[in-house]
PDB file of N, CA and C in Angstrom:
ATOM      1  N   MET A   1       0.811  -1.183   0.000  1.00  0.00           N
ATOM      2  CA  MET A   1       0.000   0.000   0.000  1.00  0.00           C
ATOM      3  C   MET A   1       0.860   1.254   0.000  1.00  0.00           C
ATOM      4  N   GLY A   2       2.132   1.120   0.315  1.00  0.00           N
ATOM      5  CA  GLY A   2       2.978   2.286   0.396  1.00  0.00           C
ATOM      6  C   GLY A   2       3.178   2.944  -0.952  1.00  0.00           C
ATOM      7  N   HIS A   3       3.463   4.177  -0.953  1.00  0.00           N
ATOM      8  CA  HIS A   3       3.654   4.959  -2.162  1.00  0.00           C
ATOM      9  C   HIS A   3       5.129   5.152  -2.404  1.00  0.00           C
ATOM     10  N   ARG A   4       6.030   5.373  -2.206  1.00  0.00           N
ATOM     11  CA  ARG A   4       7.448   5.437  -2.348  1.00  0.00           C
ATOM     12  C   ARG A   4       8.069   4.699  -1.190  1.00  0.00           C
ATOM     13  N   GLY A   5       7.793   3.453  -1.060  1.00  0.00           N
ATOM     14  CA  GLY A   5       8.360   2.722   0.047  1.00  0.00           C
ATOM     15  C   GLY A   5       7.464   2.759   1.263  1.00  0.00           C
ATOM     16  N   GLN A   6       7.927   2.116   2.300  1.00  0.00           N
ATOM     17  CA  GLN A   6       7.167   2.007   3.537  1.00  0.00           C
ATOM     18  C   GLN A   6       7.039   3.349   4.230  1.00  0.00           C
ATOM     19  N   GLY A   7       5.874   3.628   4.778  1.00  0.00           N
ATOM     20  CA  GLY A   7       5.702   4.813   5.586  1.00  0.00           C
ATOM     21  C   GLY A   7       5.123   6.026   4.879  1.00  0.00           C
ATOM     22  N   PHE A   8       4.894   5.946   3.568  1.00  0.00           N
ATOM     23  CA  PHE A   8       4.284   7.102   2.897  1.00  0.00           C
ATOM     24  C   PHE A   8       2.830   7.231   3.316  1.00  0.00           C
ATOM     25  N   PHE A   9       2.128   6.098   3.371  1.00  0.00           N
ATOM     26  CA  PHE A   9       0.757   6.027   3.884  1.00  0.00           C
ATOM     27  C   PHE A   9       0.729   5.031   5.039  1.00  0.00           C
ATOM     28  N   THR A  10      -0.193   5.215   5.972  1.00  0.00           N
ATOM     29  CA  THR A  10      -0.431   4.196   6.990  1.00  0.00           C
ATOM     30  C   THR A  10      -1.347   3.136   6.386  1.00  0.00           C
ATOM     31  N   ARG A  11      -1.488   2.036   7.070  1.00  0.00           N
ATOM     32  CA  ARG A  11      -2.413   0.976   6.615  1.00  0.00           C
ATOM     33  C   ARG A  11      -3.833   1.530   6.522  1.00  0.00           C
ATOM     34  N   GLU A  12      -4.229   2.357   7.489  1.00  0.00           N
ATOM     35  CA  GLU A  12      -5.581   2.930   7.493  1.00  0.00           C
ATOM     36  C   GLU A  12      -5.797   3.884   6.324  1.00  0.00           C
ATOM     37  N   GLN A  13      -4.736   4.562   5.885  1.00  0.00           N
ATOM     38  CA  GLN A  13      -4.848   5.411   4.701  1.00  0.00           C
ATOM     39  C   GLN A  13      -4.906   4.555   3.440  1.00  0.00           C
ATOM     40  N   GLY A  14      -4.094   3.515   3.403  1.00  0.00           N
ATOM     41  CA  GLY A  14      -4.052   2.645   2.230  1.00  0.00           C
ATOM     42  C   GLY A  14      -5.344   1.887   2.011  1.00  0.00           C
ATOM     43  N   LEU A  15      -6.087   1.638   3.084  1.00  0.00           N
ATOM     44  CA  LEU A  15      -7.356   0.920   2.966  1.00  0.00           C
ATOM     45  C   LEU A  15      -8.568   1.863   2.955  1.00  0.00           C
ATOM     46  N   ALA A  16      -8.320   3.157   2.837  1.00  0.00           N
ATOM     47  CA  ALA A  16      -9.416   4.126   2.772  1.00  0.00           C
ATOM     48  C   ALA A  16     -10.187   3.940   1.464  1.00  0.00           C
ATOM     49  N   PRO A  17     -11.497   4.149   1.484  1.00  0.00           N
ATOM     50  CA  PRO A  17     -12.285   3.985   0.252  1.00  0.00           C
ATOM     51  C   PRO A  17     -11.783   4.856  -0.899  1.00  0.00           C
ATOM     52  N   THR A  18     -11.335   6.065  -0.602  1.00  0.00           N
ATOM     53  CA  THR A  18     -10.842   6.927  -1.677  1.00  0.00           C
ATOM     54  C   THR A  18      -9.566   6.360  -2.305  1.00  0.00           C
ATOM     55  N   LYS A  19      -8.693   5.790  -1.485  1.00  0.00           N
ATOM     56  CA  LYS A  19      -7.460   5.197  -2.000  1.00  0.00           C
ATOM     57  C   LYS A  19      -7.786   3.970  -2.849  1.00  0.00           C
ATOM     58  N   ILE A  20      -8.667   3.122  -2.359  1.00  0.00           N
ATOM     59  CA  ILE A  20      -9.058   1.924  -3.111  1.00  0.00           C
ATOM     60  C   ILE A  20      -9.695   2.326  -4.436  1.00  0.00           C
ATOM     61  N   TRP A  21     -10.597   3.305  -4.415  1.00  0.00           N
ATOM     62  CA  TRP A  21     -11.259   3.782  -5.629  1.00  0.00           C
ATOM     63  C   TRP A  21     -10.228   4.272  -6.648  1.00  0.00           C
ATOM     64  N   HIS A  22      -9.257   5.059  -6.179  1.00  0.00           N
ATOM     65  CA  HIS A  22      -8.254   5.571  -7.108  1.00  0.00           C
ATOM     66  C   HIS A  22      -7.375   4.452  -7.665  1.00  0.00           C
ATOM     67  N   GLN A  23      -6.952   3.531  -6.807  1.00  0.00           N
ATOM     68  CA  GLN A  23      -6.044   2.478  -7.250  1.00  0.00           C
ATOM     69  C   GLN A  23      -6.716   1.475  -8.190  1.00  0.00           C
ATOM     70  N   LEU A  24      -7.993   1.172  -7.958  1.00  0.00           N
ATOM     71  CA  LEU A  24      -8.654   0.129  -8.750  1.00  0.00           C
ATOM     72  C   LEU A  24      -9.495   0.644  -9.909  1.00  0.00           C
ATOM     73  N   VAL A  25      -9.911   1.913  -9.868  1.00  0.00           N
ATOM     74  CA  VAL A  25     -10.794   2.423 -10.921  1.00  0.00           C
ATOM     75  C   VAL A  25     -10.179   3.629 -11.639  1.00  0.00           C
ATOM     76  N   VAL A  26      -9.900   4.682 -10.908  1.00  0.00           N
ATOM     77  CA  VAL A  26      -9.500   5.940 -11.545  1.00  0.00           C
ATOM     78  C   VAL A  26      -8.175   5.809 -12.297  1.00  0.00           C
ATOM     79  N   TYR A  27      -7.109   5.353 -11.628  1.00  0.00           N
ATOM     80  CA  TYR A  27      -5.810   5.293 -12.285  1.00  0.00           C
ATOM     81  C   TYR A  27      -5.782   4.314 -13.462  1.00  0.00           C
ATOM     82  N   PRO A  28      -6.331   3.108 -13.329  1.00  0.00           N
ATOM     83  CA  PRO A  28      -6.338   2.233 -14.508  1.00  0.00           C
ATOM     84  C   PRO A  28      -7.141   2.804 -15.683  1.00  0.00           C
ATOM     85  N   LEU A  29      -8.292   3.400 -15.398  1.00  0.00           N
ATOM     86  CA  LEU A  29      -9.115   3.945 -16.474  1.00  0.00           C
ATOM     87  C   LEU A  29      -8.433   5.134 -17.152  1.00  0.00           C
ATOM     88  N   LEU A  30      -7.947   6.079 -16.360  1.00  0.00           N
ATOM     89  CA  LEU A  30      -7.257   7.224 -16.956  1.00  0.00           C
ATOM     90  C   LEU A  30      -5.956   6.807 -17.645  1.00  0.00           C
ATOM     91  N   GLY A  31      -5.268   5.839 -17.058  1.00  0.00           N
ATOM     92  CA  GLY A  31      -4.048   5.327 -17.691  1.00  0.00           C
ATOM     93  C   GLY A  31      -4.342   4.684 -19.034  1.00  0.00           C
ATOM     94  N   TYR A  32      -5.433   3.939 -19.112  1.00  0.00           N
ATOM     95  CA  TYR A  32      -5.827   3.313 -20.374  1.00  0.00           C
ATOM     96  C   TYR A  32      -6.160   4.388 -21.412  1.00  0.00           C
ATOM     97  N   TRP A  33      -6.944   5.398 -21.009  1.00  0.00           N
ATOM     98  CA  TRP A  33      -7.301   6.469 -21.942  1.00  0.00           C
ATOM     99  C   TRP A  33      -6.069   7.232 -22.405  1.00  0.00           C
ATOM    100  N   LEU A  34      -5.180   7.537 -21.474  1.00  0.00           N
ATOM    101  CA  LEU A  34      -3.961   8.247 -21.838  1.00  0.00           C
ATOM    102  C   LEU A  34      -3.127   7.417 -22.806  1.00  0.00           C
ATOM    103  N   TRP A  35      -2.941   6.167 -22.483  1.00  0.00           N
ATOM    104  CA  TRP A  35      -2.126   5.286 -23.317  1.00  0.00           C
ATOM    105  C   TRP A  35      -2.697   5.179 -24.724  1.00  0.00           C
ATOM    106  N   THR A  36      -3.990   4.882 -24.843  1.00  0.00           N
ATOM    107  CA  THR A  36      -4.575   4.701 -26.170  1.00  0.00           C
ATOM    108  C   THR A  36      -4.612   6.014 -26.952  1.00  0.00           C
ATOM    109  N   ALA A  37      -4.936   7.116 -26.278  1.00  0.00           N
ATOM    110  CA  ALA A  37      -4.987   8.400 -26.987  1.00  0.00           C
ATOM    111  C   ALA A  37      -3.599   8.851 -27.416  1.00  0.00           C
ATOM    112  N   ALA A  38      -2.630   8.755 -26.523  1.00  0.00           N
ATOM    113  CA  ALA A  38      -1.276   9.213 -26.848  1.00  0.00           C
ATOM    114  C   ALA A  38      -0.642   8.333 -27.918  1.00  0.00           C
ATOM    115  N   ILE A  39      -0.699   7.035 -27.737  1.00  0.00           N
ATOM    116  CA  ILE A  39      -0.096   6.129 -28.723  1.00  0.00           C
ATOM    117  C   ILE A  39      -0.843   6.240 -30.047  1.00  0.00           C
ATOM    118  N   GLY A  40      -2.178   6.299 -29.974  1.00  0.00           N
ATOM    119  CA  GLY A  40      -2.957   6.457 -31.207  1.00  0.00           C
ATOM    120  C   GLY A  40      -2.631   7.745 -31.926  1.00  0.00           C
ATOM    121  N   GLY A  41      -2.510   8.828 -31.188  1.00  0.00           N
ATOM    122  CA  GLY A  41      -2.190  10.114 -31.797  1.00  0.00           C
ATOM    123  C   GLY A  41      -0.786  10.161 -32.371  1.00  0.00           C
ATOM    124  N   LEU A  42       0.158   9.575 -31.652  1.00  0.00           N
ATOM    125  CA  LEU A  42       1.534   9.576 -32.145  1.00  0.00           C
ATOM    126  C   LEU A  42       1.721   8.631 -33.327  1.00  0.00           C
ATOM    127  N   ALA A  43       0.947   7.555 -33.373  1.00  0.00           N
ATOM    128  CA  ALA A  43       1.088   6.562 -34.434  1.00  0.00           C
ATOM    129  C   ALA A  43       0.195   6.850 -35.638  1.00  0.00           C
ATOM    130  N   ALA A  44      -0.663   7.853 -35.555  1.00  0.00           N
ATOM    131  CA  ALA A  44      -1.574   8.160 -36.663  1.00  0.00           C
ATOM    132  C   ALA A  44      -0.785   8.595 -37.898  1.00  0.00           C
ATOM    133  N   PRO A  45      -1.279   8.210 -39.079  1.00  0.00           N
ATOM    134  CA  PRO A  45      -0.580   8.621 -40.300  1.00  0.00           C
ATOM    135  C   PRO A  45      -0.747  10.121 -40.545  1.00  0.00           C
ATOM    136  N   GLY A  46       0.134  10.649 -41.311  1.00  0.00           N
ATOM    137  CA  GLY A  46       0.067  12.058 -41.671  1.00  0.00           C
ATOM    138  C   GLY A  46       1.356  12.759 -41.355  1.00  0.00           C
ATOM    139  N   SER A  47       1.752  13.657 -42.258  1.00  0.00           N
ATOM    140  CA  SER A  47       3.008  14.368 -42.042  1.00  0.00           C
ATOM    141  C   SER A  47       2.902  15.845 -42.409  1.00  0.00           C
ATOM    142  N   ASP A  48       1.686  16.349 -42.503  1.00  0.00           N
ATOM    143  CA  ASP A  48       1.581  17.783 -42.772  1.00  0.00           C
ATOM    144  C   ASP A  48       1.760  18.567 -41.466  1.00  0.00           C
ATOM    145  N   THR A  49       1.720  19.868 -41.550  1.00  0.00           N
ATOM    146  CA  THR A  49       2.009  20.730 -40.401  1.00  0.00           C
ATOM    147  C   THR A  49       1.057  20.480 -39.232  1.00  0.00           C
ATOM    148  N   ALA A  50      -0.226  20.295 -39.504  1.00  0.00           N
ATOM    149  CA  ALA A  50      -1.202  20.055 -38.433  1.00  0.00           C
ATOM    150  C   ALA A  50      -0.929  18.731 -37.732  1.00  0.00           C
ATOM    151  N   ASP A  51      -0.554  17.703 -38.477  1.00  0.00           N
ATOM    152  CA  ASP A  51      -0.249  16.398 -37.870  1.00  0.00           C
ATOM    153  C   ASP A  51       0.979  16.486 -36.963  1.00  0.00           C
ATOM    154  N   ILE A  52       1.983  17.167 -37.416  1.00  0.00           N
ATOM    155  CA  ILE A  52       3.206  17.319 -36.616  1.00  0.00           C
ATOM    156  C   ILE A  52       2.914  18.162 -35.375  1.00  0.00           C
ATOM    157  N   ALA A  53       2.131  19.229 -35.532  1.00  0.00           N
ATOM    158  CA  ALA A  53       1.770  20.073 -34.387  1.00  0.00           C
ATOM    159  C   ALA A  53       0.978  19.277 -33.355  1.00  0.00           C
ATOM    160  N   ALA A  54       0.097  18.401 -33.805  1.00  0.00           N
ATOM    161  CA  ALA A  54      -0.681  17.567 -32.886  1.00  0.00           C
ATOM    162  C   ALA A  54       0.232  16.613 -32.125  1.00  0.00           C
ATOM    163  N   ARG A  55       1.196  16.042 -32.804  1.00  0.00           N
ATOM    164  CA  ARG A  55       2.143  15.132 -32.126  1.00  0.00           C
ATOM    165  C   ARG A  55       2.983  15.889 -31.095  1.00  0.00           C
ATOM    166  N   VAL A  56       3.420  17.075 -31.465  1.00  0.00           N
ATOM    167  CA  VAL A  56       4.202  17.894 -30.524  1.00  0.00           C
ATOM    168  C   VAL A  56       3.337  18.251 -29.310  1.00  0.00           C
ATOM    169  N   LEU A  57       2.083  18.591 -29.542  1.00  0.00           N
ATOM    170  CA  LEU A  57       1.178  18.919 -28.437  1.00  0.00           C
ATOM    171  C   LEU A  57       0.988  17.717 -27.504  1.00  0.00           C
ATOM    172  N   ILE A  58       0.866  16.527 -28.066  1.00  0.00           N
ATOM    173  CA  ILE A  58       0.739  15.312 -27.244  1.00  0.00           C
ATOM    174  C   ILE A  58       1.985  15.146 -26.379  1.00  0.00           C
ATOM    175  N   ILE A  59       3.139  15.308 -26.966  1.00  0.00           N
ATOM    176  CA  ILE A  59       4.393  15.149 -26.216  1.00  0.00           C
ATOM    177  C   ILE A  59       4.523  16.228 -25.139  1.00  0.00           C
ATOM    178  N   VAL A  60       4.130  17.466 -25.454  1.00  0.00           N
ATOM    179  CA  VAL A  60       4.179  18.551 -24.468  1.00  0.00           C
ATOM    180  C   VAL A  60       3.225  18.250 -23.306  1.00  0.00           C
ATOM    181  N   CYS A  61       2.024  17.768 -23.607  1.00  0.00           N
ATOM    182  CA  CYS A  61       1.058  17.441 -22.546  1.00  0.00           C
ATOM    183  C   CYS A  61       1.577  16.317 -21.650  1.00  0.00           C
ATOM    184  N   ILE A  62       2.166  15.299 -22.240  1.00  0.00           N
ATOM    185  CA  ILE A  62       2.731  14.201 -21.444  1.00  0.00           C
ATOM    186  C   ILE A  62       3.893  14.718 -20.591  1.00  0.00           C
ATOM    187  N   GLY A  63       4.713  15.589 -21.158  1.00  0.00           N
ATOM    188  CA  GLY A  63       5.806  16.185 -20.392  1.00  0.00           C
ATOM    189  C   GLY A  63       5.305  17.033 -19.236  1.00  0.00           C
ATOM    190  N   ALA A  64       4.242  17.811 -19.469  1.00  0.00           N
ATOM    191  CA  ALA A  64       3.658  18.631 -18.389  1.00  0.00           C
ATOM    192  C   ALA A  64       3.097  17.744 -17.290  1.00  0.00           C
ATOM    193  N   TRP A  65       2.448  16.661 -17.678  1.00  0.00           N
ATOM    194  CA  TRP A  65       1.928  15.719 -16.678  1.00  0.00           C
ATOM    195  C   TRP A  65       3.080  15.111 -15.878  1.00  0.00           C
ATOM    196  N   ALA A  66       4.135  14.681 -16.556  1.00  0.00           N
ATOM    197  CA  ALA A  66       5.276  14.068 -15.861  1.00  0.00           C
ATOM    198  C   ALA A  66       5.934  15.071 -14.903  1.00  0.00           C
ATOM    199  N   ALA A  67       6.072  16.319 -15.331  1.00  0.00           N
ATOM    200  CA  ALA A  67       6.664  17.334 -14.458  1.00  0.00           C
ATOM    201  C   ALA A  67       5.769  17.599 -13.247  1.00  0.00           C
ATOM    202  N   SER A  68       4.472  17.684 -13.460  1.00  0.00           N
ATOM    203  CA  SER A  68       3.535  17.894 -12.340  1.00  0.00           C
ATOM    204  C   SER A  68       3.570  16.722 -11.374  1.00  0.00           C
ATOM    205  N   ASN A  69       3.628  15.526 -11.918  1.00  0.00           N
ATOM    206  CA  ASN A  69       3.680  14.327 -11.093  1.00  0.00           C
ATOM    207  C   ASN A  69       4.953  14.324 -10.249  1.00  0.00           C
ATOM    208  N   GLY A  70       6.089  14.634 -10.862  1.00  0.00           N
ATOM    209  CA  GLY A  70       7.343  14.693 -10.120  1.00  0.00           C
ATOM    210  C   GLY A  70       7.328  15.759  -9.045  1.00  0.00           C
ATOM    211  N   TYR A  71       6.754  16.914  -9.357  1.00  0.00           N
ATOM    212  CA  TYR A  71       6.637  17.998  -8.384  1.00  0.00           C
ATOM    213  C   TYR A  71       5.806  17.553  -7.182  1.00  0.00           C
ATOM    214  N   ASP A  72       4.649  16.936  -7.447  1.00  0.00           N
ATOM    215  CA  ASP A  72       3.770  16.490  -6.364  1.00  0.00           C
ATOM    216  C   ASP A  72       4.401  15.399  -5.504  1.00  0.00           C
ATOM    217  N   ARG A  73       5.160  14.522  -6.091  1.00  0.00           N
ATOM    218  CA  ARG A  73       5.789  13.443  -5.323  1.00  0.00           C
ATOM    219  C   ARG A  73       6.838  13.968  -4.355  1.00  0.00           C
ATOM    220  N   ARG A  74       7.446  15.088  -4.690  1.00  0.00           N
ATOM    221  CA  ARG A  74       8.458  15.675  -3.793  1.00  0.00           C
ATOM    222  C   ARG A  74       7.837  16.562  -2.726  1.00  0.00           C
ATOM    223  N   ARG A  75       6.569  16.873  -2.873  1.00  0.00           N
ATOM    224  CA  ARG A  75       5.852  17.711  -1.914  1.00  0.00           C
ATOM    225  C   ARG A  75       4.590  17.000  -1.470  1.00  0.00           C
ATOM    226  N   PRO A  76       4.728  16.030  -0.564  1.00  0.00           N
ATOM    227  CA  PRO A  76       3.561  15.220  -0.192  1.00  0.00           C
ATOM    228  C   PRO A  76       2.480  16.042   0.498  1.00  0.00           C
ATOM    229  N   LYS A  77       1.266  15.602   0.302  1.00  0.00           N
ATOM    230  CA  LYS A  77       0.114  16.199   0.968  1.00  0.00           C
ATOM    231  C   LYS A  77      -0.751  15.053   1.477  1.00  0.00           C
ATOM    232  N   LEU A  78      -1.820  15.367   2.162  1.00  0.00           N
ATOM    233  CA  LEU A  78      -2.601  14.328   2.823  1.00  0.00           C
ATOM    234  C   LEU A  78      -3.056  13.237   1.857  1.00  0.00           C
ATOM    235  N   GLY A  79      -3.728  13.575   0.800  1.00  0.00           N
ATOM    236  CA  GLY A  79      -4.174  12.554  -0.140  1.00  0.00           C
ATOM    237  C   GLY A  79      -5.374  11.780   0.340  1.00  0.00           C
ATOM    238  N   HIS A  80      -5.180  10.887   1.292  1.00  0.00           N
ATOM    239  CA  HIS A  80      -6.247  10.044   1.810  1.00  0.00           C
ATOM    240  C   HIS A  80      -6.176  10.031   3.334  1.00  0.00           C
ATOM    241  N   PRO A  81      -7.215  10.502   4.016  1.00  0.00           N
ATOM    242  CA  PRO A  81      -7.187  10.461   5.483  1.00  0.00           C
ATOM    243  C   PRO A  81      -7.336   9.031   5.976  1.00  0.00           C
ATOM    244  N   PRO A  82      -6.806   8.708   7.150  1.00  0.00           N
ATOM    245  CA  PRO A  82      -6.983   7.372   7.718  1.00  0.00           C
ATOM    246  C   PRO A  82      -8.476   7.078   7.890  1.00  0.00           C
ATOM    247  N   TYR A  83      -8.885   5.874   7.522  1.00  0.00           N
ATOM    248  CA  TYR A  83     -10.309   5.533   7.531  1.00  0.00           C
ATOM    249  C   TYR A  83     -10.597   4.424   8.525  1.00  0.00           C
ATOM    250  N   ASP A  84     -11.680   4.578   9.259  1.00  0.00           N
ATOM    251  CA  ASP A  84     -12.121   3.590  10.245  1.00  0.00           C
ATOM    252  C   ASP A  84     -13.316   2.838   9.665  1.00  0.00           C
ATOM    253  N   TRP A  85     -13.077   1.615   9.210  1.00  0.00           N
ATOM    254  CA  TRP A  85     -14.138   0.821   8.585  1.00  0.00           C
ATOM    255  C   TRP A  85     -15.193   0.377   9.593  1.00  0.00           C
ATOM    256  N   ARG A  86     -14.834   0.295  10.870  1.00  0.00           N
ATOM    257  CA  ARG A  86     -15.827  -0.110  11.883  1.00  0.00           C
ATOM    258  C   ARG A  86     -16.902   0.955  12.045  1.00  0.00           C
ATOM    259  N   ARG A  87     -16.511   2.216  11.930  1.00  0.00           N
ATOM    260  CA  ARG A  87     -17.459   3.329  12.090  1.00  0.00           C
ATOM    261  C   ARG A  87     -17.873   3.943  10.753  1.00  0.00           C
ATOM    262  N   LEU A  88     -17.258   3.477   9.677  1.00  0.00           N
ATOM    263  CA  LEU A  88     -17.536   3.955   8.318  1.00  0.00           C
ATOM    264  C   LEU A  88     -17.350   5.465   8.165  1.00  0.00           C
ATOM    265  N   ARG A  89     -16.219   5.935   8.677  1.00  0.00           N
ATOM    266  CA  ARG A  89     -15.842   7.339   8.524  1.00  0.00           C
ATOM    267  C   ARG A  89     -14.352   7.493   8.844  1.00  0.00           C
ATOM    268  N   PRO A  90     -13.764   8.617   8.434  1.00  0.00           N
ATOM    269  CA  PRO A  90     -12.349   8.827   8.750  1.00  0.00           C
ATOM    270  C   PRO A  90     -12.117   8.889  10.253  1.00  0.00           C
ATOM    271  N   PHE A  91     -10.914   8.512  10.670  1.00  0.00           N
ATOM    272  CA  PHE A  91     -10.538   8.644  12.072  1.00  0.00           C
ATOM    273  C   PHE A  91     -10.564  10.113  12.462  1.00  0.00           C
ATOM    274  N   GLU A  92     -10.837  10.354  13.717  1.00  0.00           N
ATOM    275  CA  GLU A  92     -10.832  11.725  14.230  1.00  0.00           C
ATOM    276  C   GLU A  92      -9.395  12.243  14.298  1.00  0.00           C
ATOM    277  N   GLN A  93      -9.242  13.539  14.146  1.00  0.00           N
ATOM    278  CA  GLN A  93      -7.936  14.160  14.306  1.00  0.00           C
ATOM    279  C   GLN A  93      -7.712  14.458  15.777  1.00  0.00           C
ATOM    280  N   PRO A  94      -6.526  14.594  16.248  1.00  0.00           N
ATOM    281  CA  PRO A  94      -5.283  14.602  15.490  1.00  0.00           C
ATOM    282  C   PRO A  94      -4.848  13.191  15.123  1.00  0.00           C
ATOM    283  N   TRP A  95      -4.289  13.055  13.930  1.00  0.00           N
ATOM    284  CA  TRP A  95      -3.800  11.765  13.460  1.00  0.00           C
ATOM    285  C   TRP A  95      -2.354  11.589  13.899  1.00  0.00           C
ATOM    286  N   PRO A  96      -1.922  10.344  14.026  1.00  0.00           N
ATOM    287  CA  PRO A  96      -0.521  10.120  14.418  1.00  0.00           C
ATOM    288  C   PRO A  96       0.426  10.521  13.289  1.00  0.00           C
ATOM    289  N   ASP A  97       1.667  10.758  13.645  1.00  0.00           N
ATOM    290  CA  ASP A  97       2.675  11.138  12.645  1.00  0.00           C
ATOM    291  C   ASP A  97       3.365   9.911  12.059  1.00  0.00           C
ATOM    292  N   SER A  98       2.606   8.860  11.797  1.00  0.00           N
ATOM    293  CA  SER A  98       3.223   7.608  11.368  1.00  0.00           C
ATOM    294  C   SER A  98       3.380   7.495   9.864  1.00  0.00           C
ATOM    295  N   SER A  99       3.002   8.484   9.098  1.00  0.00           N
ATOM    296  CA  SER A  99       3.218   8.430   7.650  1.00  0.00           C
ATOM    297  C   SER A  99       3.703   9.780   7.148  1.00  0.00           C
ATOM    298  N   THR A 100       4.353   9.760   6.003  1.00  0.00           N
ATOM    299  CA  THR A 100       4.863  10.985   5.396  1.00  0.00           C
ATOM    300  C   THR A 100       3.732  11.955   5.101  1.00  0.00           C
ATOM    301  N   THR A 101       2.616  11.459   4.577  1.00  0.00           N
ATOM    302  CA  THR A 101       1.522  12.358   4.205  1.00  0.00           C
ATOM    303  C   THR A 101       0.841  12.948   5.425  1.00  0.00           C
ATOM    304  N   LEU A 102       0.754  12.204   6.514  1.00  0.00           N
ATOM    305  CA  LEU A 102       0.149  12.756   7.729  1.00  0.00           C
ATOM    306  C   LEU A 102       1.043  13.833   8.334  1.00  0.00           C
ATOM    307  N   ARG A 103       2.364  13.615   8.292  1.00  0.00           N
ATOM    308  CA  ARG A 103       3.289  14.639   8.789  1.00  0.00           C
ATOM    309  C   ARG A 103       3.227  15.883   7.899  1.00  0.00           C
ATOM    310  N   ALA A 104       3.165  15.696   6.580  1.00  0.00           N
ATOM    311  CA  ALA A 104       3.087  16.838   5.668  1.00  0.00           C
ATOM    312  C   ALA A 104       1.797  17.614   5.894  1.00  0.00           C
ATOM    313  N   TYR A 105       0.694  16.903   6.128  1.00  0.00           N
ATOM    314  CA  TYR A 105      -0.594  17.558   6.387  1.00  0.00           C
ATOM    315  C   TYR A 105      -0.510  18.371   7.679  1.00  0.00           C
ATOM    316  N   ARG A 106       0.057  17.763   8.718  1.00  0.00           N
ATOM    317  CA  ARG A 106       0.190  18.458  10.001  1.00  0.00           C
ATOM    318  C   ARG A 106       1.061  19.698   9.851  1.00  0.00           C
ATOM    319  N   ASP A 107       2.193  19.559   9.163  1.00  0.00           N
ATOM    320  CA  ASP A 107       3.108  20.680   9.000  1.00  0.00           C
ATOM    321  C   ASP A 107       2.475  21.806   8.181  1.00  0.00           C
ATOM    322  N   ALA A 108       1.770  21.462   7.113  1.00  0.00           N
ATOM    323  CA  ALA A 108       1.114  22.481   6.285  1.00  0.00           C
ATOM    324  C   ALA A 108       0.014  23.174   7.070  1.00  0.00           C
ATOM    325  N   ARG A 109      -0.697  22.407   7.843  1.00  0.00           N
ATOM    326  CA  ARG A 109      -1.796  22.985   8.617  1.00  0.00           C
ATOM    327  C   ARG A 109      -1.265  23.892   9.723  1.00  0.00           C
ATOM    328  N   SER A 110      -0.181  23.471  10.372  1.00  0.00           N
ATOM    329  CA  SER A 110       0.365  24.292  11.451  1.00  0.00           C
ATOM    330  C   SER A 110       1.015  25.569  10.894  1.00  0.00           C
ATOM    331  N   SER A 111       1.526  25.513   9.680  1.00  0.00           N
ATOM    332  CA  SER A 111       2.134  26.716   9.113  1.00  0.00           C
ATOM    333  C   SER A 111       1.079  27.730   8.685  1.00  0.00           C
ATOM    334  N   THR A 112      -0.126  27.267   8.347  1.00  0.00           N
ATOM    335  CA  THR A 112      -1.180  28.211   7.962  1.00  0.00           C
ATOM    336  C   THR A 112      -1.842  28.832   9.177  1.00  0.00           C
ATOM    337  N   THR A 113      -1.747  28.177  10.329  1.00  0.00           N
ATOM    338  CA  THR A 113      -2.368  28.725  11.536  1.00  0.00           C
ATOM    339  C   THR A 113      -1.362  29.437  12.414  1.00  0.00           C
ATOM    340  N   ALA A 114      -0.096  29.432  11.995  1.00  0.00           N
ATOM    341  CA  ALA A 114       0.940  30.078  12.805  1.00  0.00           C
ATOM    342  C   ALA A 114       0.752  31.593  12.783  1.00  0.00           C
ATOM    343  N   GLN A 115       1.134  32.192  13.871  1.00  0.00           N
ATOM    344  CA  GLN A 115       1.047  33.642  13.985  1.00  0.00           C
ATOM    345  C   GLN A 115       2.216  34.275  13.241  1.00  0.00           C
ATOM    346  N   PRO A 116       2.025  35.447  12.641  1.00  0.00           N
ATOM    347  CA  PRO A 116       3.141  36.097  11.955  1.00  0.00           C
ATOM    348  C   PRO A 116       4.242  36.473  12.948  1.00  0.00           C
ATOM    349  N   VAL A 117       5.453  36.420  12.463  1.00  0.00           N
ATOM    350  CA  VAL A 117       6.596  36.766  13.298  1.00  0.00           C
ATOM    351  C   VAL A 117       6.665  38.286  13.403  1.00  0.00           C
ATOM    352  N   ARG A 118       6.758  38.780  14.630  1.00  0.00           N
ATOM    353  CA  ARG A 118       6.855  40.222  14.846  1.00  0.00           C
ATOM    354  C   ARG A 118       8.304  40.578  15.081  1.00  0.00           C
ATOM    355  N   ARG A 119       8.710  41.604  14.401  1.00  0.00           N
ATOM    356  CA  ARG A 119      10.090  42.055  14.562  1.00  0.00           C
ATOM    357  C   ARG A 119      10.180  42.982  15.763  1.00  0.00           C
ATOM    358  N   PRO A 120      11.263  42.871  16.515  1.00  0.00           N
ATOM    359  CA  PRO A 120      11.415  43.790  17.673  1.00  0.00           C
ATOM    360  C   PRO A 120      11.633  45.205  17.185  1.00  0.00           C
ATOM    361  N   PRO A 121      11.202  46.184  17.961  1.00  0.00           N
ATOM    362  CA  PRO A 121      11.417  47.589  17.547  1.00  0.00           C
ATOM    363  C   PRO A 121      12.892  47.929  17.549  1.00  0.00           C
ATOM    364  N   ARG A 122      13.268  48.846  16.702  1.00  0.00           N
ATOM    365  CA  ARG A 122      14.694  49.226  16.579  1.00  0.00           C
ATOM    366  C   ARG A 122      15.061  50.332  17.509  1.00  0.00           C
TER     367      ARG A 122
END
């Protein structure tokens, strides 16, 4: 269930309905559409200016997606809250700091609620 190795998500996050939905439905479906559209577009016959521009646009879009994906992986966010299947709802906060995404969520949340730093008078 981990995302870049152990500890990115807790077991409760990995078994959350949103995580299961994304892993079993959303990512395979979007991956299939991306694969067929990109490969189909790149493999389509034609060599005039519009055909070449379309191929370049496909490559640029895939590059933008890859760059966004890499950016997001280096800046983790909550993604999926820990889920309690016995009560059929997410666990109450505060959540433990046992995963990278929970720590990132806590840190981002604490930085938005922090008071501004006041400079001493000169």
